[in-house]
Amino acid sequence: MKIVVTGAKGFIGKNLCIMLKEAGYSNIIEVDRNTTRSDLTSILSEADFVYHLAGINRTKSEYDFIEGNIDLTYFITEQLAALNRKVPLVFSSSTQALQK
């Protein structure tokens, strides 16, 4: 099973990856801010499960907030749909998103 974790370098993502490895999952694909959209599309094409934990919670720029939260989430869901990948998707956001 290929498990994709976006936000894998963040607090929750990092700890989730550790827990998944301890539970015996070995095929964990860690996605972080250095992962290109092209690479993410390729990664999603093989995903069996997606934990979408990436996002921006502290920024002074409205653009950064939208790009890091709304646009990325939209991109992931659109890519999964375009790839006809009907995989479980766990999505987590921050309380900062409620203010927007």
PDB file of N, CA and C in Angstrom:
ATOM      1  N   MET A   1       0.843  -1.181   0.000  1.00  0.00           N
ATOM      2  CA  MET A   1       0.000   0.000   0.000  1.00  0.00           C
ATOM      3  C   MET A   1       0.884   1.238   0.000  1.00  0.00           C
ATOM      4  N   LYS A   2       0.662   2.136  -0.957  1.00  0.00           N
ATOM      5  CA  LYS A   2       1.404   3.390  -1.028  1.00  0.00           C
ATOM      6  C   LYS A   2       0.605   4.474  -0.321  1.00  0.00           C
ATOM      7  N   ILE A   3       1.181   4.993   0.749  1.00  0.00           N
ATOM      8  CA  ILE A   3       0.538   6.026   1.544  1.00  0.00           C
ATOM      9  C   ILE A   3       1.249   7.348   1.285  1.00  0.00           C
ATOM     10  N   VAL A   4       0.492   8.350   0.865  1.00  0.00           N
ATOM     11  CA  VAL A   4       1.034   9.677   0.606  1.00  0.00           C
ATOM     12  C   VAL A   4       0.711  10.571   1.797  1.00  0.00           C
ATOM     13  N   VAL A   5       1.724  11.282   2.288  1.00  0.00           N
ATOM     14  CA  VAL A   5       1.529  12.222   3.389  1.00  0.00           C
ATOM     15  C   VAL A   5       2.020  13.590   2.933  1.00  0.00           C
ATOM     16  N   THR A   6       1.086  14.529   2.713  1.00  0.00           N
ATOM     17  CA  THR A   6       1.498  15.902   2.421  1.00  0.00           C
ATOM     18  C   THR A   6       1.748  16.592   3.755  1.00  0.00           C
ATOM     19  N   GLY A   7       2.659  17.538   3.755  1.00  0.00           N
ATOM     20  CA  GLY A   7       3.020  18.180   5.016  1.00  0.00           C
ATOM     21  C   GLY A   7       3.861  17.269   5.886  1.00  0.00           C
ATOM     22  N   ALA A   8       4.623  16.398   5.256  1.00  0.00           N
ATOM     23  CA  ALA A   8       5.380  15.372   5.975  1.00  0.00           C
ATOM     24  C   ALA A   8       6.496  15.933   6.850  1.00  0.00           C
ATOM     25  N   LYS A   9       6.884  17.173   6.640  1.00  0.00           N
ATOM     26  CA  LYS A   9       7.933  17.782   7.466  1.00  0.00           C
ATOM     27  C   LYS A   9       7.347  18.605   8.614  1.00  0.00           C
ATOM     28  N   GLY A  10       6.029  18.770   8.610  1.00  0.00           N
ATOM     29  CA  GLY A  10       5.375  19.511   9.680  1.00  0.00           C
ATOM     30  C   GLY A  10       5.216  18.651  10.927  1.00  0.00           C
ATOM     31  N   PHE A  11       4.743  19.252  11.999  1.00  0.00           N
ATOM     32  CA  PHE A  11       4.639  18.552  13.283  1.00  0.00           C
ATOM     33  C   PHE A  11       3.754  17.312  13.192  1.00  0.00           C
ATOM     34  N   ILE A  12       2.554  17.461  12.689  1.00  0.00           N
ATOM     35  CA  ILE A  12       1.632  16.323  12.616  1.00  0.00           C
ATOM     36  C   ILE A  12       2.102  15.324  11.569  1.00  0.00           C
ATOM     37  N   GLY A  13       2.491  15.815  10.396  1.00  0.00           N
ATOM     38  CA  GLY A  13       2.938  14.929   9.325  1.00  0.00           C
ATOM     39  C   GLY A  13       4.148  14.103   9.706  1.00  0.00           C
ATOM     40  N   LYS A  14       5.114  14.734  10.341  1.00  0.00           N
ATOM     41  CA  LYS A  14       6.332  14.040  10.759  1.00  0.00           C
ATOM     42  C   LYS A  14       5.998  12.925  11.747  1.00  0.00           C
ATOM     43  N   ASN A  15       5.151  13.233  12.715  1.00  0.00           N
ATOM     44  CA  ASN A  15       4.772  12.230  13.710  1.00  0.00           C
ATOM     45  C   ASN A  15       3.889  11.137  13.121  1.00  0.00           C
ATOM     46  N   LEU A  16       3.040  11.486  12.165  1.00  0.00           N
ATOM     47  CA  LEU A  16       2.233  10.472  11.488  1.00  0.00           C
ATOM     48  C   LEU A  16       3.135   9.501  10.737  1.00  0.00           C
ATOM     49  N   CYS A  17       4.128  10.011  10.024  1.00  0.00           N
ATOM     50  CA  CYS A  17       5.053   9.141   9.283  1.00  0.00           C
ATOM     51  C   CYS A  17       5.774   8.187  10.229  1.00  0.00           C
ATOM     52  N   ILE A  18       6.188   8.682  11.370  1.00  0.00           N
ATOM     53  CA  ILE A  18       6.841   7.823  12.368  1.00  0.00           C
ATOM     54  C   ILE A  18       5.888   6.731  12.825  1.00  0.00           C
ATOM     55  N   MET A  19       4.655   7.099  13.146  1.00  0.00           N
ATOM     56  CA  MET A  19       3.676   6.118  13.621  1.00  0.00           C
ATOM     57  C   MET A  19       3.341   5.083  12.554  1.00  0.00           C
ATOM     58  N   LEU A  20       3.213   5.522  11.302  1.00  0.00           N
ATOM     59  CA  LEU A  20       2.921   4.579  10.219  1.00  0.00           C
ATOM     60  C   LEU A  20       4.064   3.581  10.055  1.00  0.00           C
ATOM     61  N   LYS A  21       5.299   4.069  10.128  1.00  0.00           N
ATOM     62  CA  LYS A  21       6.461   3.177  10.016  1.00  0.00           C
ATOM     63  C   LYS A  21       6.496   2.191  11.177  1.00  0.00           C
ATOM     64  N   GLU A  22       6.210   2.680  12.376  1.00  0.00           N
ATOM     65  CA  GLU A  22       6.177   1.802  13.549  1.00  0.00           C
ATOM     66  C   GLU A  22       5.067   0.767  13.440  1.00  0.00           C
ATOM     67  N   ALA A  23       4.001   1.096  12.723  1.00  0.00           N
ATOM     68  CA  ALA A  23       2.878   0.167  12.538  1.00  0.00           C
ATOM     69  C   ALA A  23       3.147  -0.833  11.417  1.00  0.00           C
ATOM     70  N   GLY A  24       4.306  -0.709  10.765  1.00  0.00           N
ATOM     71  CA  GLY A  24       4.686  -1.684   9.753  1.00  0.00           C
ATOM     72  C   GLY A  24       4.500  -1.247   8.314  1.00  0.00           C
ATOM     73  N   TYR A  25       4.035  -0.021   8.094  1.00  0.00           N
ATOM     74  CA  TYR A  25       3.896   0.475   6.722  1.00  0.00           C
ATOM     75  C   TYR A  25       5.264   0.944   6.238  1.00  0.00           C
ATOM     76  N   SER A  26       5.664   0.464   5.084  1.00  0.00           N
ATOM     77  CA  SER A  26       7.005   0.802   4.602  1.00  0.00           C
ATOM     78  C   SER A  26       6.992   1.674   3.352  1.00  0.00           C
ATOM     79  N   ASN A  27       5.874   1.742   2.669  1.00  0.00           N
ATOM     80  CA  ASN A  27       5.815   2.500   1.426  1.00  0.00           C
ATOM     81  C   ASN A  27       5.088   3.823   1.661  1.00  0.00           C
ATOM     82  N   ILE A  28       5.766   4.713   2.385  1.00  0.00           N
ATOM     83  CA  ILE A  28       5.202   6.014   2.731  1.00  0.00           C
ATOM     84  C   ILE A  28       5.903   7.067   1.879  1.00  0.00           C
ATOM     85  N   ILE A  29       5.131   7.810   1.131  1.00  0.00           N
ATOM     86  CA  ILE A  29       5.696   8.844   0.265  1.00  0.00           C
ATOM     87  C   ILE A  29       5.485  10.186   0.952  1.00  0.00           C
ATOM     88  N   GLU A  30       6.581  10.794   1.356  1.00  0.00           N
ATOM     89  CA  GLU A  30       6.538  12.048   2.089  1.00  0.00           C
ATOM     90  C   GLU A  30       6.606  13.228   1.122  1.00  0.00           C
ATOM     91  N   VAL A  31       5.583  14.061   1.170  1.00  0.00           N
ATOM     92  CA  VAL A  31       5.486  15.235   0.306  1.00  0.00           C
ATOM     93  C   VAL A  31       5.690  16.470   1.176  1.00  0.00           C
ATOM     94  N   ASP A  32       6.555  17.371   0.713  1.00  0.00           N
ATOM     95  CA  ASP A  32       6.765  18.615   1.444  1.00  0.00           C
ATOM     96  C   ASP A  32       6.760  19.788   0.479  1.00  0.00           C
ATOM     97  N   ARG A  33       7.096  20.954   0.966  1.00  0.00           N
ATOM     98  CA  ARG A  33       7.013  22.164   0.133  1.00  0.00           C
ATOM     99  C   ARG A  33       7.974  22.157  -1.044  1.00  0.00           C
ATOM    100  N   ASN A  34       8.966  21.276  -1.033  1.00  0.00           N
ATOM    101  CA  ASN A  34       9.907  21.180  -2.148  1.00  0.00           C
ATOM    102  C   ASN A  34       9.414  20.263  -3.260  1.00  0.00           C
ATOM    103  N   THR A  35       8.316  19.567  -3.033  1.00  0.00           N
ATOM    104  CA  THR A  35       7.743  18.676  -4.044  1.00  0.00           C
ATOM    105  C   THR A  35       7.034  19.519  -5.101  1.00  0.00           C
ATOM    106  N   THR A  36       7.384  19.317  -6.362  1.00  0.00           N
ATOM    107  CA  THR A  36       6.747  20.086  -7.440  1.00  0.00           C
ATOM    108  C   THR A  36       5.341  19.556  -7.707  1.00  0.00           C
ATOM    109  N   ARG A  37       4.532  20.366  -8.346  1.00  0.00           N
ATOM    110  CA  ARG A  37       3.176  19.930  -8.707  1.00  0.00           C
ATOM    111  C   ARG A  37       3.238  18.748  -9.670  1.00  0.00           C
ATOM    112  N   SER A  38       4.206  18.773 -10.569  1.00  0.00           N
ATOM    113  CA  SER A  38       4.379  17.670 -11.518  1.00  0.00           C
ATOM    114  C   SER A  38       4.712  16.375 -10.781  1.00  0.00           C
ATOM    115  N   ASP A  39       5.628  16.471  -9.828  1.00  0.00           N
ATOM    116  CA  ASP A  39       5.978  15.289  -9.029  1.00  0.00           C
ATOM    117  C   ASP A  39       4.789  14.826  -8.201  1.00  0.00           C
ATOM    118  N   LEU A  40       4.028  15.779  -7.664  1.00  0.00           N
ATOM    119  CA  LEU A  40       2.861  15.422  -6.858  1.00  0.00           C
ATOM    120  C   LEU A  40       1.827  14.678  -7.699  1.00  0.00           C
ATOM    121  N   THR A  41       1.627  15.104  -8.929  1.00  0.00           N
ATOM    122  CA  THR A  41       0.703  14.399  -9.821  1.00  0.00           C
ATOM    123  C   THR A  41       1.159  12.961 -10.023  1.00  0.00           C
ATOM    124  N   SER A  42       2.438  12.776 -10.256  1.00  0.00           N
ATOM    125  CA  SER A  42       2.991  11.432 -10.436  1.00  0.00           C
ATOM    126  C   SER A  42       2.813  10.592  -9.175  1.00  0.00           C
ATOM    127  N   ILE A  43       3.064  11.199  -8.037  1.00  0.00           N
ATOM    128  CA  ILE A  43       2.915  10.506  -6.750  1.00  0.00           C
ATOM    129  C   ILE A  43       1.459  10.099  -6.538  1.00  0.00           C
ATOM    130  N   LEU A  44       0.537  11.016  -6.802  1.00  0.00           N
ATOM    131  CA  LEU A  44      -0.887  10.731  -6.607  1.00  0.00           C
ATOM    132  C   LEU A  44      -1.390   9.639  -7.542  1.00  0.00           C
ATOM    133  N   SER A  45      -0.756   9.499  -8.697  1.00  0.00           N
ATOM    134  CA  SER A  45      -1.196   8.481  -9.661  1.00  0.00           C
ATOM    135  C   SER A  45      -0.999   7.065  -9.137  1.00  0.00           C
ATOM    136  N   GLU A  46      -0.154   6.913  -8.119  1.00  0.00           N
ATOM    137  CA  GLU A  46       0.120   5.591  -7.555  1.00  0.00           C
ATOM    138  C   GLU A  46      -0.367   5.451  -6.118  1.00  0.00           C
ATOM    139  N   ALA A  47      -1.029   6.484  -5.603  1.00  0.00           N
ATOM    140  CA  ALA A  47      -1.443   6.488  -4.199  1.00  0.00           C
ATOM    141  C   ALA A  47      -2.573   5.504  -3.927  1.00  0.00           C
ATOM    142  N   ASP A  48      -2.490   4.861  -2.780  1.00  0.00           N
ATOM    143  CA  ASP A  48      -3.577   4.016  -2.292  1.00  0.00           C
ATOM    144  C   ASP A  48      -4.317   4.690  -1.139  1.00  0.00           C
ATOM    145  N   PHE A  49      -3.658   5.671  -0.521  1.00  0.00           N
ATOM    146  CA  PHE A  49      -4.241   6.389   0.611  1.00  0.00           C
ATOM    147  C   PHE A  49      -3.519   7.729   0.697  1.00  0.00           C
ATOM    148  N   VAL A  50      -4.260   8.809   0.958  1.00  0.00           N
ATOM    149  CA  VAL A  50      -3.649  10.135   1.049  1.00  0.00           C
ATOM    150  C   VAL A  50      -4.026  10.793   2.373  1.00  0.00           C
ATOM    151  N   TYR A  51      -3.008  11.233   3.105  1.00  0.00           N
ATOM    152  CA  TYR A  51      -3.185  12.101   4.267  1.00  0.00           C
ATOM    153  C   TYR A  51      -2.756  13.488   3.812  1.00  0.00           C
ATOM    154  N   HIS A  52      -3.701  14.401   3.702  1.00  0.00           N
ATOM    155  CA  HIS A  52      -3.374  15.762   3.261  1.00  0.00           C
ATOM    156  C   HIS A  52      -3.303  16.657   4.492  1.00  0.00           C
ATOM    157  N   LEU A  53      -2.081  16.888   4.951  1.00  0.00           N
ATOM    158  CA  LEU A  53      -1.852  17.666   6.164  1.00  0.00           C
ATOM    159  C   LEU A  53      -1.134  18.982   5.890  1.00  0.00           C
ATOM    160  N   ALA A  54      -0.735  19.203   4.647  1.00  0.00           N
ATOM    161  CA  ALA A  54       0.030  20.405   4.302  1.00  0.00           C
ATOM    162  C   ALA A  54      -0.856  21.637   4.339  1.00  0.00           C
ATOM    163  N   GLY A  55      -0.248  22.733   4.698  1.00  0.00           N
ATOM    164  CA  GLY A  55      -0.969  23.996   4.688  1.00  0.00           C
ATOM    165  C   GLY A  55      -0.155  25.090   5.343  1.00  0.00           C
ATOM    166  N   ILE A  56      -0.630  26.287   5.182  1.00  0.00           N
ATOM    167  CA  ILE A  56       0.006  27.468   5.759  1.00  0.00           C
ATOM    168  C   ILE A  56      -0.901  27.954   6.881  1.00  0.00           C
ATOM    169  N   ASN A  57      -0.344  28.096   8.082  1.00  0.00           N
ATOM    170  CA  ASN A  57      -1.195  28.583   9.169  1.00  0.00           C
ATOM    171  C   ASN A  57      -0.716  29.914   9.746  1.00  0.00           C
ATOM    172  N   ARG A  58       0.497  30.309   9.417  1.00  0.00           N
ATOM    173  CA  ARG A  58       0.990  31.599   9.906  1.00  0.00           C
ATOM    174  C   ARG A  58       1.633  32.344   8.740  1.00  0.00           C
ATOM    175  N   THR A  59       0.920  33.285   8.213  1.00  0.00           N
ATOM    176  CA  THR A  59       1.458  34.089   7.116  1.00  0.00           C
ATOM    177  C   THR A  59       0.830  35.467   7.148  1.00  0.00           C
ATOM    178  N   LYS A  60       1.579  36.437   6.705  1.00  0.00           N
ATOM    179  CA  LYS A  60       1.045  37.792   6.617  1.00  0.00           C
ATOM    180  C   LYS A  60       0.420  38.047   5.254  1.00  0.00           C
ATOM    181  N   SER A  61       0.670  37.143   4.330  1.00  0.00           N
ATOM    182  CA  SER A  61       0.207  37.322   2.959  1.00  0.00           C
ATOM    183  C   SER A  61      -1.045  36.489   2.687  1.00  0.00           C
ATOM    184  N   GLU A  62      -2.087  37.150   2.255  1.00  0.00           N
ATOM    185  CA  GLU A  62      -3.326  36.458   1.882  1.00  0.00           C
ATOM    186  C   GLU A  62      -3.062  35.493   0.724  1.00  0.00           C
ATOM    187  N   TYR A  63      -2.213  35.923  -0.219  1.00  0.00           N
ATOM    188  CA  TYR A  63      -1.877  35.082  -1.374  1.00  0.00           C
ATOM    189  C   TYR A  63      -1.224  33.779  -0.923  1.00  0.00           C
ATOM    190  N   ASP A  64      -0.252  33.860  -0.010  1.00  0.00           N
ATOM    191  CA  ASP A  64       0.422  32.650   0.482  1.00  0.00           C
ATOM    192  C   ASP A  64      -0.563  31.717   1.169  1.00  0.00           C
ATOM    193  N   PHE A  65      -1.487  32.303   1.931  1.00  0.00           N
ATOM    194  CA  PHE A  65      -2.483  31.489   2.622  1.00  0.00           C
ATOM    195  C   PHE A  65      -3.363  30.746   1.620  1.00  0.00           C
ATOM    196  N   ILE A  66      -3.849  31.462   0.618  1.00  0.00           N
ATOM    197  CA  ILE A  66      -4.723  30.848  -0.391  1.00  0.00           C
ATOM    198  C   ILE A  66      -3.974  29.790  -1.177  1.00  0.00           C
ATOM    199  N   GLU A  67      -2.754  30.106  -1.616  1.00  0.00           N
ATOM    200  CA  GLU A  67      -1.975  29.149  -2.402  1.00  0.00           C
ATOM    201  C   GLU A  67      -1.638  27.903  -1.587  1.00  0.00           C
ATOM    202  N   GLY A  68      -1.255  28.083  -0.336  1.00  0.00           N
ATOM    203  CA  GLY A  68      -0.823  26.961   0.492  1.00  0.00           C
ATOM    204  C   GLY A  68      -1.948  26.131   1.075  1.00  0.00           C
ATOM    205  N   ASN A  69      -3.147  26.625   1.050  1.00  0.00           N
ATOM    206  CA  ASN A  69      -4.275  25.892   1.631  1.00  0.00           C
ATOM    207  C   ASN A  69      -5.332  25.552   0.579  1.00  0.00           C
ATOM    208  N   ILE A  70      -5.994  26.554   0.077  1.00  0.00           N
ATOM    209  CA  ILE A  70      -7.097  26.324  -0.857  1.00  0.00           C
ATOM    210  C   ILE A  70      -6.599  25.743  -2.174  1.00  0.00           C
ATOM    211  N   ASP A  71      -5.606  26.398  -2.780  1.00  0.00           N
ATOM    212  CA  ASP A  71      -5.127  25.948  -4.090  1.00  0.00           C
ATOM    213  C   ASP A  71      -4.530  24.546  -4.033  1.00  0.00           C
ATOM    214  N   LEU A  72      -3.757  24.258  -3.008  1.00  0.00           N
ATOM    215  CA  LEU A  72      -3.134  22.935  -2.907  1.00  0.00           C
ATOM    216  C   LEU A  72      -4.187  21.849  -2.706  1.00  0.00           C
ATOM    217  N   THR A  73      -5.153  22.101  -1.851  1.00  0.00           N
ATOM    218  CA  THR A  73      -6.218  21.121  -1.627  1.00  0.00           C
ATOM    219  C   THR A  73      -7.014  20.890  -2.907  1.00  0.00           C
ATOM    220  N   TYR A  74      -7.336  21.968  -3.606  1.00  0.00           N
ATOM    221  CA  TYR A  74      -8.051  21.858  -4.878  1.00  0.00           C
ATOM    222  C   TYR A  74      -7.223  21.061  -5.883  1.00  0.00           C
ATOM    223  N   PHE A  75      -5.936  21.358  -5.960  1.00  0.00           N
ATOM    224  CA  PHE A  75      -5.056  20.652  -6.892  1.00  0.00           C
ATOM    225  C   PHE A  75      -5.057  19.152  -6.606  1.00  0.00           C
ATOM    226  N   ILE A  76      -4.926  18.784  -5.354  1.00  0.00           N
ATOM    227  CA  ILE A  76      -4.883  17.362  -4.989  1.00  0.00           C
ATOM    228  C   ILE A  76      -6.187  16.666  -5.363  1.00  0.00           C
ATOM    229  N   THR A  77      -7.311  17.261  -5.008  1.00  0.00           N
ATOM    230  CA  THR A  77      -8.594  16.611  -5.314  1.00  0.00           C
ATOM    231  C   THR A  77      -8.847  16.550  -6.815  1.00  0.00           C
ATOM    232  N   GLU A  78      -8.476  17.592  -7.533  1.00  0.00           N
ATOM    233  CA  GLU A  78      -8.653  17.592  -8.989  1.00  0.00           C
ATOM    234  C   GLU A  78      -7.753  16.557  -9.660  1.00  0.00           C
ATOM    235  N   GLN A  79      -6.530  16.418  -9.181  1.00  0.00           N
ATOM    236  CA  GLN A  79      -5.620  15.430  -9.763  1.00  0.00           C
ATOM    237  C   GLN A  79      -6.128  14.014  -9.508  1.00  0.00           C
ATOM    238  N   LEU A  80      -6.586  13.759  -8.304  1.00  0.00           N
ATOM    239  CA  LEU A  80      -7.125  12.424  -8.003  1.00  0.00           C
ATOM    240  C   LEU A  80      -8.322  12.124  -8.894  1.00  0.00           C
ATOM    241  N   ALA A  81      -9.183  13.115  -9.105  1.00  0.00           N
ATOM    242  CA  ALA A  81     -10.351  12.917  -9.976  1.00  0.00           C
ATOM    243  C   ALA A  81      -9.917  12.687 -11.421  1.00  0.00           C
ATOM    244  N   ALA A  82      -8.986  13.497 -11.911  1.00  0.00           N
ATOM    245  CA  ALA A  82      -8.520  13.370 -13.295  1.00  0.00           C
ATOM    246  C   ALA A  82      -7.825  12.030 -13.532  1.00  0.00           C
ATOM    247  N   LEU A  83      -7.155  11.537 -12.495  1.00  0.00           N
ATOM    248  CA  LEU A  83      -6.456  10.255 -12.593  1.00  0.00           C
ATOM    249  C   LEU A  83      -7.392   9.077 -12.329  1.00  0.00           C
ATOM    250  N   ASN A  84      -8.657   9.396 -12.005  1.00  0.00           N
ATOM    251  CA  ASN A  84      -9.650   8.375 -11.648  1.00  0.00           C
ATOM    252  C   ASN A  84      -9.171   7.516 -10.479  1.00  0.00           C
ATOM    253  N   ARG A  85      -8.532   8.192  -9.509  1.00  0.00           N
ATOM    254  CA  ARG A  85      -8.025   7.509  -8.318  1.00  0.00           C
ATOM    255  C   ARG A  85      -9.033   7.714  -7.194  1.00  0.00           C
ATOM    256  N   LYS A  86      -9.796   6.685  -6.900  1.00  0.00           N
ATOM    257  CA  LYS A  86     -10.778   6.746  -5.819  1.00  0.00           C
ATOM    258  C   LYS A  86     -10.136   6.144  -4.577  1.00  0.00           C
ATOM    259  N   VAL A  87      -9.348   6.981  -3.918  1.00  0.00           N
ATOM    260  CA  VAL A  87      -8.605   6.531  -2.744  1.00  0.00           C
ATOM    261  C   VAL A  87      -9.084   7.301  -1.520  1.00  0.00           C
ATOM    262  N   PRO A  88      -8.962   6.708  -0.339  1.00  0.00           N
ATOM    263  CA  PRO A  88      -9.308   7.451   0.868  1.00  0.00           C
ATOM    264  C   PRO A  88      -8.418   8.688   1.000  1.00  0.00           C
ATOM    265  N   LEU A  89      -9.027   9.787   1.407  1.00  0.00           N
ATOM    266  CA  LEU A  89      -8.311  11.043   1.598  1.00  0.00           C
ATOM    267  C   LEU A  89      -8.671  11.589   2.971  1.00  0.00           C
ATOM    268  N   VAL A  90      -7.668  11.705   3.825  1.00  0.00           N
ATOM    269  CA  VAL A  90      -7.858  12.316   5.138  1.00  0.00           C
ATOM    270  C   VAL A  90      -7.309  13.731   5.037  1.00  0.00           C
ATOM    271  N   PHE A  91      -8.149  14.715   5.354  1.00  0.00           N
ATOM    272  CA  PHE A  91      -7.770  16.122   5.243  1.00  0.00           C
ATOM    273  C   PHE A  91      -7.796  16.763   6.618  1.00  0.00           C
ATOM    274  N   SER A  92      -6.735  17.492   6.922  1.00  0.00           N
ATOM    275  CA  SER A  92      -6.680  18.225   8.179  1.00  0.00           C
ATOM    276  C   SER A  92      -6.258  19.658   7.887  1.00  0.00           C
ATOM    277  N   SER A  93      -6.847  20.582   8.604  1.00  0.00           N
ATOM    278  CA  SER A  93      -6.523  21.991   8.424  1.00  0.00           C
ATOM    279  C   SER A  93      -6.262  22.609   9.791  1.00  0.00           C
ATOM    280  N   SER A  94      -6.029  23.895   9.811  1.00  0.00           N
ATOM    281  CA  SER A  94      -5.771  24.583  11.071  1.00  0.00           C
ATOM    282  C   SER A  94      -6.926  25.514  11.414  1.00  0.00           C
ATOM    283  N   THR A  95      -6.961  25.943  12.654  1.00  0.00           N
ATOM    284  CA  THR A  95      -7.998  26.889  13.064  1.00  0.00           C
ATOM    285  C   THR A  95      -7.820  28.227  12.361  1.00  0.00           C
ATOM    286  N   GLN A  96      -6.620  28.514  11.881  1.00  0.00           N
ATOM    287  CA  GLN A  96      -6.378  29.756  11.139  1.00  0.00           C
ATOM    288  C   GLN A  96      -7.254  29.829   9.891  1.00  0.00           C
ATOM    289  N   ALA A  97      -7.548  28.681   9.295  1.00  0.00           N
ATOM    290  CA  ALA A  97      -8.355  28.654   8.074  1.00  0.00           C
ATOM    291  C   ALA A  97      -9.776  29.146   8.332  1.00  0.00           C
ATOM    292  N   LEU A  98     -10.262  28.997   9.539  1.00  0.00           N
ATOM    293  CA  LEU A  98     -11.613  29.445   9.866  1.00  0.00           C
ATOM    294  C   LEU A  98     -11.743  30.953   9.767  1.00  0.00           C
ATOM    295  N   GLN A  99     -10.662  31.649   9.996  1.00  0.00           N
ATOM    296  CA  GLN A  99     -10.693  33.107   9.968  1.00  0.00           C
ATOM    297  C   GLN A  99     -10.732  33.648   8.555  1.00  0.00           C
ATOM    298  N   LYS A 100     -10.434  32.816   7.573  1.00  0.00           N
ATOM    299  CA  LYS A 100     -10.396  33.262   6.181  1.00  0.00           C
ATOM    300  C   LYS A 100     -11.707  32.936   5.550  1.00  0.00           C
TER     301      LYS A 100
END
